[in-house]
Amino acid sequence: MSDLAVVIVSWNTRAFTLEAIRTLLDDVQRGGPYDTEIWVVDNASSDDSPAAIQAEFPHVKIIENAKNIGFGAANNVAIRAMGFGKSGIDENTLPRAVYLLNSDTQTRPNATSILFNALFSLPEAGVVGARLTYEDGSFQHSAFAFPGLSQLWIDLMPAPGTLYNRRMNGRYPRKLYEHPKPFRVGHTLGATMMIRREVIQKTGMFDEQFFMYAEEVDWSWRIQKAGWKIYCVPQAHVIHLEGQSTRQVRPDSIINLWQSRLRLYRKHYPMLKRQAARWLIGVGMRRKIRQARRAYALRRISAKERDTLISAYEQVMGL
């Protein structure tokens, strides 16, 4: 049994994944937990990521998927390979914690050990996440409240820019990240998500119907409903370059995002709230279609870009 098993999902992010592993290894070798194993699940990359990882880090366990199965499902592949979900398995053979780490992260000194220690010392902690910043050190929201209709409205409708960083948009005050004390959250960003063994045994894994986006929100919702608490730990610092895989497929990303959000609403919203959310999405997509046409008229985008965006928005309306 290892103390910690780290899972990194990679899709055409070879250079970023290699740097994520380098900084992670440097951190755990200096500050622990010393009994740490690393798993990389490659979602059918075309950039020879597995070979490059194996050459530089022969001890890293690599799983190569035949196709891109999505973020949550890829993490599940590694978690199952550790033995989770198998009947009759001795839990002492399982890692004490599983750490889901994005391929576009760079671990800063002692972040891993700080998270690990917090996970086993904070009251009823089931999941902990790090304080994230961009590469230049600038602030990045690292955790969020569970999404409500107000967040949906701010996302889709004209709203004052001052609302973006408010609690009604799911954001926690910046001062909480600047204080060393851990604070409770709805969910951490999936870029750093350290989970106790018992949580996985009790709640299962990612819902694989979420191809990408909102899968960590759904799991966190289920984890909290099961009685565990989730914390952001500001003393643990991780750089997050953000979106190196998802930025590669813009139209598909739009559709995947809203498919995932609608599934999240179906699972966790009461009926009237679901209906209100669907109405808001319809109004919002029609507004985005008008914006795409206006952008083309003003020569800000090409006809091809306009048509691609409109097609994506229309598909979202039909979900």
C-alpha atoms as a PDB file:
ATOM      1  CA  MET A   1       0.000   0.000   0.000  1.00  0.00           C
ATOM      2  CA  SER A   2       1.279   3.478  -0.870  1.00  0.00           C
ATOM      3  CA  ASP A   3       0.439   6.573   1.121  1.00  0.00           C
ATOM      4  CA  LEU A   4      -0.487   8.504  -1.992  1.00  0.00           C
ATOM      5  CA  ALA A   5      -1.310   7.643  -5.590  1.00  0.00           C
ATOM      6  CA  VAL A   6      -1.201  10.541  -8.043  1.00  0.00           C
ATOM      7  CA  VAL A   7      -3.176  10.384 -11.294  1.00  0.00           C
ATOM      8  CA  ILE A   8      -2.390  12.667 -14.232  1.00  0.00           C
ATOM      9  CA  VAL A   9      -4.548  12.517 -17.361  1.00  0.00           C
ATOM     10  CA  SER A  10      -2.741  13.541 -20.533  1.00  0.00           C
ATOM     11  CA  TRP A  11      -4.037  14.410 -23.982  1.00  0.00           C
ATOM     12  CA  ASN A  12      -1.545  15.982 -26.390  1.00  0.00           C
ATOM     13  CA  THR A  13       0.167  17.900 -23.597  1.00  0.00           C
ATOM     14  CA  ARG A  14       3.562  16.169 -23.613  1.00  0.00           C
ATOM     15  CA  ALA A  15       5.724  19.112 -22.546  1.00  0.00           C
ATOM     16  CA  PHE A  16       3.259  20.178 -19.862  1.00  0.00           C
ATOM     17  CA  THR A  17       2.827  16.627 -18.550  1.00  0.00           C
ATOM     18  CA  LEU A  18       6.578  16.102 -18.290  1.00  0.00           C
ATOM     19  CA  GLU A  19       6.945  19.340 -16.334  1.00  0.00           C
ATOM     20  CA  ALA A  20       4.009  18.404 -14.098  1.00  0.00           C
ATOM     21  CA  ILE A  21       5.746  15.127 -13.220  1.00  0.00           C
ATOM     22  CA  ARG A  22       9.133  16.799 -12.707  1.00  0.00           C
ATOM     23  CA  THR A  23       7.824  19.385 -10.267  1.00  0.00           C
ATOM     24  CA  LEU A  24       5.670  16.831  -8.455  1.00  0.00           C
ATOM     25  CA  LEU A  25       8.580  14.416  -8.018  1.00  0.00           C
ATOM     26  CA  ASP A  26      10.877  17.189  -6.854  1.00  0.00           C
ATOM     27  CA  ASP A  27       8.297  18.151  -4.235  1.00  0.00           C
ATOM     28  CA  VAL A  28       7.589  14.678  -2.840  1.00  0.00           C
ATOM     29  CA  GLN A  29      11.277  13.712  -2.841  1.00  0.00           C
ATOM     30  CA  ARG A  30      12.047  16.761  -0.731  1.00  0.00           C
ATOM     31  CA  GLY A  31       9.023  16.860   1.551  1.00  0.00           C
ATOM     32  CA  GLY A  32       6.933  13.719   1.140  1.00  0.00           C
ATOM     33  CA  PRO A  33       4.737  11.826   1.372  1.00  0.00           C
ATOM     34  CA  TYR A  34       7.669   9.617   0.458  1.00  0.00           C
ATOM     35  CA  ASP A  35       5.629   6.539  -0.403  1.00  0.00           C
ATOM     36  CA  THR A  36       4.037   8.094  -3.477  1.00  0.00           C
ATOM     37  CA  GLU A  37       3.291   6.410  -6.795  1.00  0.00           C
ATOM     38  CA  ILE A  38       2.437   8.213 -10.022  1.00  0.00           C
ATOM     39  CA  TRP A  39       0.009   7.079 -12.693  1.00  0.00           C
ATOM     40  CA  VAL A  40      -0.388   8.730 -16.086  1.00  0.00           C
ATOM     41  CA  VAL A  41      -3.435   7.911 -18.178  1.00  0.00           C
ATOM     42  CA  ASP A  42      -2.960   8.958 -21.785  1.00  0.00           C
ATOM     43  CA  ASN A  43      -6.103   9.609 -23.810  1.00  0.00           C
ATOM     44  CA  ALA A  44      -4.720   8.536 -27.209  1.00  0.00           C
ATOM     45  CA  SER A  45      -2.338  11.456 -27.653  1.00  0.00           C
ATOM     46  CA  SER A  46      -0.757  11.992 -31.060  1.00  0.00           C
ATOM     47  CA  ASP A  47       2.381  13.659 -29.672  1.00  0.00           C
ATOM     48  CA  ASP A  48       4.182  10.534 -28.369  1.00  0.00           C
ATOM     49  CA  SER A  49       3.490  11.501 -24.765  1.00  0.00           C
ATOM     50  CA  PRO A  50       3.658   7.927 -23.364  1.00  0.00           C
ATOM     51  CA  ALA A  51       7.080   7.233 -24.907  1.00  0.00           C
ATOM     52  CA  ALA A  52       8.500  10.524 -23.659  1.00  0.00           C
ATOM     53  CA  ILE A  53       7.160   9.934 -20.151  1.00  0.00           C
ATOM     54  CA  GLN A  54       8.469   6.363 -20.053  1.00  0.00           C
ATOM     55  CA  ALA A  55      11.909   7.477 -21.231  1.00  0.00           C
ATOM     56  CA  GLU A  56      12.321  10.141 -18.554  1.00  0.00           C
ATOM     57  CA  PHE A  57      10.349   8.486 -15.746  1.00  0.00           C
ATOM     58  CA  PRO A  58      10.549   4.687 -16.098  1.00  0.00           C
ATOM     59  CA  HIS A  59       8.965   4.147 -12.674  1.00  0.00           C
ATOM     60  CA  VAL A  60       5.768   6.025 -13.585  1.00  0.00           C
ATOM     61  CA  LYS A  61       2.838   3.724 -14.332  1.00  0.00           C
ATOM     62  CA  ILE A  62       1.397   4.532 -17.748  1.00  0.00           C
ATOM     63  CA  ILE A  63      -1.988   3.475 -19.073  1.00  0.00           C
ATOM     64  CA  GLU A  64      -2.613   4.113 -22.780  1.00  0.00           C
ATOM     65  CA  ASN A  65      -6.228   4.409 -23.849  1.00  0.00           C
ATOM     66  CA  ALA A  66      -7.164   3.552 -27.427  1.00  0.00           C
ATOM     67  CA  LYS A  67      -9.216   6.744 -27.709  1.00  0.00           C
ATOM     68  CA  ASN A  68      -9.961   9.930 -25.807  1.00  0.00           C
ATOM     69  CA  ILE A  69     -12.488   8.747 -23.225  1.00  0.00           C
ATOM     70  CA  GLY A  70     -12.671  12.025 -21.328  1.00  0.00           C
ATOM     71  CA  PHE A  71     -11.239  13.333 -18.072  1.00  0.00           C
ATOM     72  CA  GLY A  72     -13.401  11.549 -15.524  1.00  0.00           C
ATOM     73  CA  ALA A  73     -13.377   8.162 -17.241  1.00  0.00           C
ATOM     74  CA  ALA A  74      -9.594   8.322 -17.682  1.00  0.00           C
ATOM     75  CA  ASN A  75      -9.096   8.999 -13.977  1.00  0.00           C
ATOM     76  CA  ASN A  76     -11.411   6.100 -13.205  1.00  0.00           C
ATOM     77  CA  VAL A  77      -9.248   3.751 -15.282  1.00  0.00           C
ATOM     78  CA  ALA A  78      -6.283   4.420 -12.995  1.00  0.00           C
ATOM     79  CA  ILE A  79      -8.352   4.332  -9.805  1.00  0.00           C
ATOM     80  CA  ARG A  80      -9.747   0.919 -10.772  1.00  0.00           C
ATOM     81  CA  ALA A  81      -6.250  -0.297 -11.632  1.00  0.00           C
ATOM     82  CA  MET A  82      -5.248   0.520  -8.049  1.00  0.00           C
ATOM     83  CA  GLY A  83      -7.926  -1.904  -6.859  1.00  0.00           C
ATOM     84  CA  PHE A  84     -10.823   0.398  -6.009  1.00  0.00           C
ATOM     85  CA  GLY A  85     -14.218  -1.051  -6.819  1.00  0.00           C
ATOM     86  CA  LYS A  86     -13.065  -4.662  -6.632  1.00  0.00           C
ATOM     87  CA  SER A  87     -15.120  -6.858  -4.320  1.00  0.00           C
ATOM     88  CA  GLY A  88     -13.330  -8.525  -1.446  1.00  0.00           C
ATOM     89  CA  ILE A  89     -10.151  -6.489  -1.755  1.00  0.00           C
ATOM     90  CA  ASP A  90      -8.183  -5.749   1.416  1.00  0.00           C
ATOM     91  CA  GLU A  91      -8.420  -1.980   1.861  1.00  0.00           C
ATOM     92  CA  ASN A  92      -4.912  -1.953   3.290  1.00  0.00           C
ATOM     93  CA  THR A  93      -3.636  -2.691  -0.215  1.00  0.00           C
ATOM     94  CA  LEU A  94      -5.178   0.556  -1.460  1.00  0.00           C
ATOM     95  CA  PRO A  95      -3.448   3.955  -1.226  1.00  0.00           C
ATOM     96  CA  ARG A  96      -4.520   6.090   1.718  1.00  0.00           C
ATOM     97  CA  ALA A  97      -5.322   8.915  -0.689  1.00  0.00           C
ATOM     98  CA  VAL A  98      -5.655   9.499  -4.416  1.00  0.00           C
ATOM     99  CA  TYR A  99      -4.467  12.817  -5.825  1.00  0.00           C
ATOM    100  CA  LEU A 100      -5.929  13.951  -9.152  1.00  0.00           C
ATOM    101  CA  LEU A 101      -3.503  16.410 -10.707  1.00  0.00           C
ATOM    102  CA  ASN A 102      -3.902  18.166 -14.044  1.00  0.00           C
ATOM    103  CA  SER A 103      -1.213  17.800 -16.674  1.00  0.00           C
ATOM    104  CA  ASP A 104      -0.921  21.601 -16.909  1.00  0.00           C
ATOM    105  CA  THR A 105       0.204  22.097 -13.311  1.00  0.00           C
ATOM    106  CA  GLN A 106       3.532  22.837 -11.663  1.00  0.00           C
ATOM    107  CA  THR A 107       3.839  21.865  -8.014  1.00  0.00           C
ATOM    108  CA  ARG A 108       5.482  24.358  -5.683  1.00  0.00           C
ATOM    109  CA  PRO A 109       7.579  23.298  -2.664  1.00  0.00           C
ATOM    110  CA  ASN A 110       5.788  21.292   0.042  1.00  0.00           C
ATOM    111  CA  ALA A 111       2.384  21.588  -1.625  1.00  0.00           C
ATOM    112  CA  THR A 112       1.837  17.834  -1.769  1.00  0.00           C
ATOM    113  CA  SER A 113       2.730  17.127   1.845  1.00  0.00           C
ATOM    114  CA  ILE A 114       0.666  20.102   3.051  1.00  0.00           C
ATOM    115  CA  LEU A 115      -2.383  18.758   1.223  1.00  0.00           C
ATOM    116  CA  PHE A 116      -1.792  15.224   2.458  1.00  0.00           C
ATOM    117  CA  ASN A 117      -1.446  16.291   6.077  1.00  0.00           C
ATOM    118  CA  ALA A 118      -4.512  18.543   5.822  1.00  0.00           C
ATOM    119  CA  LEU A 119      -6.593  15.712   4.401  1.00  0.00           C
ATOM    120  CA  PHE A 120      -6.003  13.631   7.510  1.00  0.00           C
ATOM    121  CA  SER A 121      -6.187  16.413  10.095  1.00  0.00           C
ATOM    122  CA  LEU A 122      -9.073  18.701   9.083  1.00  0.00           C
ATOM    123  CA  PRO A 123     -12.471  17.796  10.583  1.00  0.00           C
ATOM    124  CA  GLU A 124     -14.349  15.258   8.436  1.00  0.00           C
ATOM    125  CA  ALA A 125     -12.205  16.146   5.424  1.00  0.00           C
ATOM    126  CA  GLY A 126     -12.891  13.996   2.387  1.00  0.00           C
ATOM    127  CA  VAL A 127     -11.254  16.146  -0.284  1.00  0.00           C
ATOM    128  CA  VAL A 128      -8.682  18.943  -0.242  1.00  0.00           C
ATOM    129  CA  GLY A 129      -7.385  21.171  -3.019  1.00  0.00           C
ATOM    130  CA  ALA A 130      -4.513  23.606  -3.419  1.00  0.00           C
ATOM    131  CA  ARG A 131      -4.362  27.356  -3.937  1.00  0.00           C
ATOM    132  CA  LEU A 132      -3.846  27.869  -7.658  1.00  0.00           C
ATOM    133  CA  THR A 133      -2.127  30.725  -9.435  1.00  0.00           C
ATOM    134  CA  TYR A 134      -1.222  31.432 -13.026  1.00  0.00           C
ATOM    135  CA  GLU A 135       2.402  31.042 -14.090  1.00  0.00           C
ATOM    136  CA  ASP A 136       3.139  34.716 -13.433  1.00  0.00           C
ATOM    137  CA  GLY A 137       1.831  34.363  -9.880  1.00  0.00           C
ATOM    138  CA  SER A 138      -1.437  36.160 -10.506  1.00  0.00           C
ATOM    139  CA  PHE A 139      -4.585  35.084  -8.700  1.00  0.00           C
ATOM    140  CA  GLN A 140      -6.755  32.216  -9.902  1.00  0.00           C
ATOM    141  CA  HIS A 141      -9.983  31.000  -8.335  1.00  0.00           C
ATOM    142  CA  SER A 142      -9.213  27.544  -6.967  1.00  0.00           C
ATOM    143  CA  ALA A 143     -12.550  26.485  -5.493  1.00  0.00           C
ATOM    144  CA  PHE A 144     -16.202  27.295  -5.969  1.00  0.00           C
ATOM    145  CA  ALA A 145     -19.613  27.116  -4.373  1.00  0.00           C
ATOM    146  CA  PHE A 146     -22.022  24.687  -6.000  1.00  0.00           C
ATOM    147  CA  PRO A 147     -23.597  26.303  -9.093  1.00  0.00           C
ATOM    148  CA  GLY A 148     -26.976  27.971  -8.787  1.00  0.00           C
ATOM    149  CA  LEU A 149     -29.237  29.890 -11.140  1.00  0.00           C
ATOM    150  CA  SER A 150     -27.481  33.162 -10.328  1.00  0.00           C
ATOM    151  CA  GLN A 151     -24.225  31.775 -11.755  1.00  0.00           C
ATOM    152  CA  LEU A 152     -26.040  30.657 -14.873  1.00  0.00           C
ATOM    153  CA  TRP A 153     -27.555  34.118 -15.305  1.00  0.00           C
ATOM    154  CA  ILE A 154     -24.197  35.874 -14.901  1.00  0.00           C
ATOM    155  CA  ASP A 155     -22.639  33.474 -17.396  1.00  0.00           C
ATOM    156  CA  LEU A 156     -25.270  33.975 -20.091  1.00  0.00           C
ATOM    157  CA  MET A 157     -26.827  37.411 -19.655  1.00  0.00           C
ATOM    158  CA  PRO A 158     -25.591  41.012 -19.549  1.00  0.00           C
ATOM    159  CA  ALA A 159     -24.396  41.608 -16.000  1.00  0.00           C
ATOM    160  CA  PRO A 160     -22.120  44.120 -14.267  1.00  0.00           C
ATOM    161  CA  GLY A 161     -18.517  42.982 -14.288  1.00  0.00           C
ATOM    162  CA  THR A 162     -18.389  43.513 -10.538  1.00  0.00           C
ATOM    163  CA  LEU A 163     -20.614  40.455 -10.078  1.00  0.00           C
ATOM    164  CA  TYR A 164     -18.078  38.073 -11.603  1.00  0.00           C
ATOM    165  CA  ASN A 165     -15.990  37.645  -8.458  1.00  0.00           C
ATOM    166  CA  ARG A 166     -18.914  37.633  -6.034  1.00  0.00           C
ATOM    167  CA  ARG A 167     -20.319  34.725  -4.042  1.00  0.00           C
ATOM    168  CA  MET A 168     -23.495  34.797  -6.144  1.00  0.00           C
ATOM    169  CA  ASN A 169     -21.240  33.707  -9.010  1.00  0.00           C
ATOM    170  CA  GLY A 170     -19.805  30.888  -6.925  1.00  0.00           C
ATOM    171  CA  ARG A 171     -16.546  32.679  -6.119  1.00  0.00           C
ATOM    172  CA  TYR A 172     -15.021  32.875  -2.666  1.00  0.00           C
ATOM    173  CA  PRO A 173     -13.451  36.145  -1.436  1.00  0.00           C
ATOM    174  CA  ARG A 174      -9.848  36.567  -2.452  1.00  0.00           C
ATOM    175  CA  LYS A 175      -8.863  37.293   1.146  1.00  0.00           C
ATOM    176  CA  LEU A 176      -9.603  33.644   2.045  1.00  0.00           C
ATOM    177  CA  TYR A 177      -6.855  32.503  -0.328  1.00  0.00           C
ATOM    178  CA  GLU A 178      -4.437  35.036   1.152  1.00  0.00           C
ATOM    179  CA  HIS A 179      -4.910  33.657   4.665  1.00  0.00           C
ATOM    180  CA  PRO A 180      -3.139  30.388   5.609  1.00  0.00           C
ATOM    181  CA  LYS A 181      -6.210  28.863   7.249  1.00  0.00           C
ATOM    182  CA  PRO A 182      -8.017  26.165   5.185  1.00  0.00           C
ATOM    183  CA  PHE A 183     -11.621  27.012   4.358  1.00  0.00           C
ATOM    184  CA  ARG A 184     -14.634  24.922   3.412  1.00  0.00           C
ATOM    185  CA  VAL A 185     -15.855  25.010  -0.178  1.00  0.00           C
ATOM    186  CA  GLY A 186     -18.459  23.422  -2.396  1.00  0.00           C
ATOM    187  CA  HIS A 187     -15.826  21.913  -4.656  1.00  0.00           C
ATOM    188  CA  THR A 188     -12.202  22.429  -5.551  1.00  0.00           C
ATOM    189  CA  LEU A 189     -11.128  22.874  -9.128  1.00  0.00           C
ATOM    190  CA  GLY A 190     -10.361  19.462 -10.632  1.00  0.00           C
ATOM    191  CA  ALA A 191      -6.759  20.547 -11.285  1.00  0.00           C
ATOM    192  CA  THR A 192      -5.812  19.518  -7.728  1.00  0.00           C
ATOM    193  CA  MET A 193      -8.168  17.177  -5.948  1.00  0.00           C
ATOM    194  CA  MET A 194      -6.800  14.928  -3.184  1.00  0.00           C
ATOM    195  CA  ILE A 195      -9.328  12.348  -1.991  1.00  0.00           C
ATOM    196  CA  ARG A 196      -9.326   9.990   0.984  1.00  0.00           C
ATOM    197  CA  ARG A 197      -9.485   6.265   0.301  1.00  0.00           C
ATOM    198  CA  GLU A 198     -12.673   5.917   2.353  1.00  0.00           C
ATOM    199  CA  VAL A 199     -14.427   8.555   0.242  1.00  0.00           C
ATOM    200  CA  ILE A 200     -13.834   6.603  -2.955  1.00  0.00           C
ATOM    201  CA  GLN A 201     -14.970   3.395  -1.277  1.00  0.00           C
ATOM    202  CA  LYS A 202     -18.180   5.056  -0.105  1.00  0.00           C
ATOM    203  CA  THR A 203     -19.123   7.318  -3.030  1.00  0.00           C
ATOM    204  CA  GLY A 204     -17.597   5.569  -6.020  1.00  0.00           C
ATOM    205  CA  MET A 205     -15.723   7.440  -8.713  1.00  0.00           C
ATOM    206  CA  PHE A 206     -16.436   9.954 -11.469  1.00  0.00           C
ATOM    207  CA  ASP A 207     -19.713   9.654 -13.348  1.00  0.00           C
ATOM    208  CA  GLU A 208     -18.399   8.738 -16.798  1.00  0.00           C
ATOM    209  CA  GLN A 209     -21.401  10.286 -18.530  1.00  0.00           C
ATOM    210  CA  PHE A 210     -19.563  13.574 -18.016  1.00  0.00           C
ATOM    211  CA  PHE A 211     -17.047  13.544 -20.876  1.00  0.00           C
ATOM    212  CA  MET A 212     -15.454  16.783 -19.773  1.00  0.00           C
ATOM    213  CA  TYR A 213     -16.505  19.652 -17.492  1.00  0.00           C
ATOM    214  CA  ALA A 214     -18.511  19.481 -14.252  1.00  0.00           C
ATOM    215  CA  GLU A 215     -17.432  15.944 -13.396  1.00  0.00           C
ATOM    216  CA  GLU A 216     -15.610  17.130 -10.278  1.00  0.00           C
ATOM    217  CA  VAL A 217     -18.636  19.236  -9.317  1.00  0.00           C
ATOM    218  CA  ASP A 218     -20.912  16.195  -9.503  1.00  0.00           C
ATOM    219  CA  TRP A 219     -18.542  13.986  -7.506  1.00  0.00           C
ATOM    220  CA  SER A 220     -18.017  16.710  -4.905  1.00  0.00           C
ATOM    221  CA  TRP A 221     -21.787  17.081  -4.561  1.00  0.00           C
ATOM    222  CA  ARG A 222     -22.104  13.339  -3.960  1.00  0.00           C
ATOM    223  CA  ILE A 223     -19.201  13.389  -1.521  1.00  0.00           C
ATOM    224  CA  GLN A 224     -20.757  16.158   0.567  1.00  0.00           C
ATOM    225  CA  LYS A 225     -24.153  14.446   0.512  1.00  0.00           C
ATOM    226  CA  ALA A 226     -22.368  11.395   1.957  1.00  0.00           C
ATOM    227  CA  GLY A 227     -21.244  13.473   4.944  1.00  0.00           C
ATOM    228  CA  TRP A 228     -17.682  14.474   4.046  1.00  0.00           C
ATOM    229  CA  LYS A 229     -16.328  18.024   3.899  1.00  0.00           C
ATOM    230  CA  ILE A 230     -14.224  19.653   1.194  1.00  0.00           C
ATOM    231  CA  TYR A 231     -11.522  22.245   1.864  1.00  0.00           C
ATOM    232  CA  CYS A 232      -9.243  24.573  -0.023  1.00  0.00           C
ATOM    233  CA  VAL A 233      -5.794  24.693   1.598  1.00  0.00           C
ATOM    234  CA  PRO A 234      -4.133  28.034   0.704  1.00  0.00           C
ATOM    235  CA  GLN A 235      -0.706  27.064   2.065  1.00  0.00           C
ATOM    236  CA  ALA A 236      -0.451  24.417  -0.653  1.00  0.00           C
ATOM    237  CA  HIS A 237       0.504  26.308  -3.812  1.00  0.00           C
ATOM    238  CA  VAL A 238       0.258  24.861  -7.320  1.00  0.00           C
ATOM    239  CA  ILE A 239       0.679  26.747 -10.592  1.00  0.00           C
ATOM    240  CA  HIS A 240      -2.145  25.999 -13.033  1.00  0.00           C
ATOM    241  CA  LEU A 241      -1.621  26.951 -16.668  1.00  0.00           C
ATOM    242  CA  GLU A 242      -5.309  26.188 -17.285  1.00  0.00           C
ATOM    243  CA  GLY A 243      -7.001  24.548 -20.216  1.00  0.00           C
ATOM    244  CA  GLN A 244      -4.082  23.206 -22.257  1.00  0.00           C
ATOM    245  CA  SER A 245      -6.160  20.239 -23.451  1.00  0.00           C
ATOM    246  CA  THR A 246      -9.606  21.807 -23.611  1.00  0.00           C
ATOM    247  CA  ARG A 247      -8.530  24.846 -25.631  1.00  0.00           C
ATOM    248  CA  GLN A 248      -7.708  22.530 -28.534  1.00  0.00           C
ATOM    249  CA  VAL A 249     -11.349  21.850 -29.561  1.00  0.00           C
ATOM    250  CA  ARG A 250     -13.458  24.990 -29.266  1.00  0.00           C
ATOM    251  CA  PRO A 251     -16.819  24.007 -30.873  1.00  0.00           C
ATOM    252  CA  ASP A 252     -16.820  20.586 -29.234  1.00  0.00           C
ATOM    253  CA  SER A 253     -15.889  22.235 -25.949  1.00  0.00           C
ATOM    254  CA  ILE A 254     -18.984  24.435 -26.087  1.00  0.00           C
ATOM    255  CA  ILE A 255     -21.242  21.425 -26.611  1.00  0.00           C
ATOM    256  CA  ASN A 256     -19.426  19.273 -24.023  1.00  0.00           C
ATOM    257  CA  LEU A 257     -19.675  22.062 -21.453  1.00  0.00           C
ATOM    258  CA  TRP A 258     -23.429  22.414 -21.780  1.00  0.00           C
ATOM    259  CA  GLN A 259     -24.050  18.674 -22.003  1.00  0.00           C
ATOM    260  CA  SER A 260     -22.228  18.332 -18.696  1.00  0.00           C
ATOM    261  CA  ARG A 261     -24.013  21.253 -17.079  1.00  0.00           C
ATOM    262  CA  LEU A 262     -27.417  19.925 -18.102  1.00  0.00           C
ATOM    263  CA  ARG A 263     -26.557  16.502 -16.711  1.00  0.00           C
ATOM    264  CA  LEU A 264     -25.439  18.152 -13.475  1.00  0.00           C
ATOM    265  CA  TYR A 265     -28.730  20.030 -13.218  1.00  0.00           C
ATOM    266  CA  ARG A 266     -30.730  16.855 -13.868  1.00  0.00           C
ATOM    267  CA  LYS A 267     -28.866  15.021 -11.114  1.00  0.00           C
ATOM    268  CA  HIS A 268     -28.860  17.686  -8.433  1.00  0.00           C
ATOM    269  CA  TYR A 269     -31.566  20.299  -9.125  1.00  0.00           C
ATOM    270  CA  PRO A 270     -35.258  19.905  -8.226  1.00  0.00           C
ATOM    271  CA  MET A 271     -37.647  19.954 -11.188  1.00  0.00           C
ATOM    272  CA  LEU A 272     -38.629  23.647 -11.119  1.00  0.00           C
ATOM    273  CA  LYS A 273     -35.007  24.712 -10.871  1.00  0.00           C
ATOM    274  CA  ARG A 274     -34.122  22.426 -13.794  1.00  0.00           C
ATOM    275  CA  GLN A 275     -36.859  24.014 -15.890  1.00  0.00           C
ATOM    276  CA  ALA A 276     -35.642  27.505 -15.020  1.00  0.00           C
ATOM    277  CA  ALA A 277     -32.085  26.527 -15.938  1.00  0.00           C
ATOM    278  CA  ARG A 278     -33.155  25.153 -19.315  1.00  0.00           C
ATOM    279  CA  TRP A 279     -35.125  28.344 -20.052  1.00  0.00           C
ATOM    280  CA  LEU A 280     -32.103  30.479 -19.189  1.00  0.00           C
ATOM    281  CA  ILE A 281     -29.872  28.381 -21.433  1.00  0.00           C
ATOM    282  CA  GLY A 282     -32.277  28.773 -24.356  1.00  0.00           C
ATOM    283  CA  VAL A 283     -32.403  32.545 -23.932  1.00  0.00           C
ATOM    284  CA  GLY A 284     -28.631  32.683 -23.509  1.00  0.00           C
ATOM    285  CA  MET A 285     -27.893  30.629 -26.633  1.00  0.00           C
ATOM    286  CA  ARG A 286     -30.183  32.800 -28.755  1.00  0.00           C
ATOM    287  CA  ARG A 287     -28.310  35.820 -27.450  1.00  0.00           C
ATOM    288  CA  LYS A 288     -24.965  34.210 -28.354  1.00  0.00           C
ATOM    289  CA  ILE A 289     -26.230  33.492 -31.872  1.00  0.00           C
ATOM    290  CA  ARG A 290     -27.085  37.179 -32.289  1.00  0.00           C
ATOM    291  CA  GLN A 291     -23.639  38.097 -30.974  1.00  0.00           C
ATOM    292  CA  ALA A 292     -21.943  35.779 -33.490  1.00  0.00           C
ATOM    293  CA  ARG A 293     -23.876  37.353 -36.362  1.00  0.00           C
ATOM    294  CA  ARG A 294     -23.030  40.836 -35.134  1.00  0.00           C
ATOM    295  CA  ALA A 295     -19.345  39.929 -34.806  1.00  0.00           C
ATOM    296  CA  TYR A 296     -19.334  38.731 -38.413  1.00  0.00           C
ATOM    297  CA  ALA A 297     -21.085  41.898 -39.591  1.00  0.00           C
ATOM    298  CA  LEU A 298     -18.371  43.932 -37.866  1.00  0.00           C
ATOM    299  CA  ARG A 299     -15.691  41.709 -39.479  1.00  0.00           C
ATOM    300  CA  ARG A 300     -14.391  40.467 -36.149  1.00  0.00           C
ATOM    301  CA  ILE A 301     -14.827  36.821 -37.147  1.00  0.00           C
ATOM    302  CA  SER A 302     -14.964  34.974 -40.472  1.00  0.00           C
ATOM    303  CA  ALA A 303     -18.072  33.434 -42.008  1.00  0.00           C
ATOM    304  CA  LYS A 304     -16.716  29.999 -41.147  1.00  0.00           C
ATOM    305  CA  GLU A 305     -16.210  30.968 -37.487  1.00  0.00           C
ATOM    306  CA  ARG A 306     -19.707  32.471 -37.376  1.00  0.00           C
ATOM    307  CA  ASP A 307     -21.302  29.337 -38.800  1.00  0.00           C
ATOM    308  CA  THR A 308     -19.309  27.060 -36.485  1.00  0.00           C
ATOM    309  CA  LEU A 309     -20.371  29.026 -33.409  1.00  0.00           C
ATOM    310  CA  ILE A 310     -24.009  29.242 -34.458  1.00  0.00           C
ATOM    311  CA  SER A 311     -24.082  25.495 -35.138  1.00  0.00           C
ATOM    312  CA  ALA A 312     -22.671  24.798 -31.665  1.00  0.00           C
ATOM    313  CA  TYR A 313     -25.176  27.113 -29.963  1.00  0.00           C
ATOM    314  CA  GLU A 314     -28.066  25.557 -31.872  1.00  0.00           C
ATOM    315  CA  GLN A 315     -26.912  22.092 -30.833  1.00  0.00           C
ATOM    316  CA  VAL A 316     -26.840  23.215 -27.205  1.00  0.00           C
ATOM    317  CA  MET A 317     -30.440  24.419 -27.527  1.00  0.00           C
ATOM    318  CA  GLY A 318     -31.406  20.965 -28.758  1.00  0.00           C
ATOM    319  CA  LEU A 319     -29.785  19.024 -25.916  1.00  0.00           C
END
